[in-house]
Protein backbone atom coordinates (compact mmCIF):
# COMPACT_ATOMS: atom_id res chain seq x y z
CA MET A 1 0.00 0.00 0.00
CA HIS A 2 1.16 3.54 -0.71
CA HIS A 3 0.01 6.27 1.63
CA GLY A 4 0.71 9.95 1.91
CA THR A 5 2.64 12.13 -0.47
CA HIS A 6 5.75 10.75 -2.10
CA VAL A 7 7.48 10.16 -5.40
CA ASP A 8 8.68 6.84 -6.70
CA ALA A 9 12.10 7.68 -8.09
CA PRO A 10 12.95 6.12 -11.47
CA TRP A 11 15.58 3.80 -9.93
CA HIS A 12 12.73 2.23 -7.95
CA PHE A 13 11.31 0.62 -11.10
CA ILE A 14 13.72 1.29 -14.01
CA PRO A 15 17.13 -0.43 -14.03
CA GLY A 16 19.76 2.32 -14.08
CA GLY A 17 17.14 5.02 -13.38
CA LYS A 18 17.93 8.15 -11.40
CA LYS A 19 17.87 8.25 -7.62
CA PRO A 20 16.05 11.09 -5.83
CA ARG A 21 19.26 12.97 -5.08
CA GLU A 22 20.05 13.00 -8.82
CA ILE A 23 16.82 14.80 -9.77
CA PRO A 24 16.80 18.61 -9.43
CA LEU A 25 14.16 19.87 -7.00
CA ASP A 26 12.67 22.26 -9.57
CA HIS A 27 11.68 19.22 -11.64
CA TRP A 28 8.89 18.61 -9.11
CA LEU A 29 7.63 22.19 -8.89
CA GLY A 30 4.92 23.64 -11.12
CA GLU A 31 1.38 23.17 -12.31
CA CYS A 32 -0.17 19.75 -12.09
CA GLN A 33 -3.40 17.90 -12.68
CA VAL A 34 -5.11 16.18 -9.77
CA LEU A 35 -6.86 12.94 -10.72
CA ASP A 36 -9.69 11.77 -8.49
CA LEU A 37 -9.26 8.00 -8.51
CA THR A 38 -11.24 7.33 -5.34
CA ALA A 39 -13.81 5.27 -7.27
CA GLU A 40 -11.19 2.76 -8.43
CA LYS A 41 -11.64 -0.52 -6.57
CA SER A 42 -8.43 -2.20 -7.69
CA CYS A 43 -5.18 -0.88 -9.07
CA VAL A 44 -4.42 2.50 -10.56
CA CYS A 45 -3.39 1.38 -14.04
CA GLY A 46 -3.76 2.43 -17.67
CA PRO A 47 -7.54 1.99 -17.95
CA ALA A 48 -8.08 3.91 -14.69
CA LEU A 49 -5.95 6.78 -15.98
CA ASP A 50 -7.88 6.76 -19.27
CA ARG A 51 -11.16 7.03 -17.36
CA ALA A 52 -9.77 9.86 -15.22
CA GLY A 53 -9.08 12.01 -18.26
CA VAL A 54 -5.42 12.96 -18.20
CA ARG A 55 -5.16 16.22 -20.14
CA ASP A 56 -2.88 16.44 -23.17
CA GLY A 57 0.51 17.91 -22.37
CA VAL A 58 0.26 17.54 -18.60
CA LYS A 59 3.71 17.14 -17.01
CA ARG A 60 2.77 16.37 -13.40
CA LEU A 61 -0.01 14.24 -11.94
CA LEU A 62 -1.25 13.93 -8.39
CA PHE A 63 -3.41 10.92 -7.59
CA LYS A 64 -6.25 11.17 -5.09
CA THR A 65 -6.99 7.56 -4.18
CA ARG A 66 -9.14 5.76 -1.63
CA ASN A 67 -6.07 5.84 0.63
CA SER A 68 -6.38 9.63 0.73
CA ALA A 69 -9.43 9.32 2.99
CA THR A 70 -8.23 6.57 5.29
CA ASP A 71 -7.49 7.06 8.96
CA TYR A 72 -4.96 4.23 8.82
CA TRP A 73 -2.16 6.41 10.23
CA HIS A 74 -4.20 7.93 13.07
C-alpha cells in the first residue's frame, strides 16, 4: 500500500534510473493535474488513468486515491 505524499524515483522501477538525489528539485515544482481515482476498486493502471481524463501535455499528476481518505495512520 502507498500512503501519503511521495514520489517513486525512477531507480525504484527502471534499471539504471535516477535516484532522488540526482533529480533537481525544480523538476517537481509547477502546475499539475489532480486525478480523483477514489472510485477505483483495484489498481491505478492504464484503464483507470484513461477514465480519469489525463489532459494532453500535462507534465505532473497527483493521484487522489481511496487511501487519501483513510485514517490508517491515526
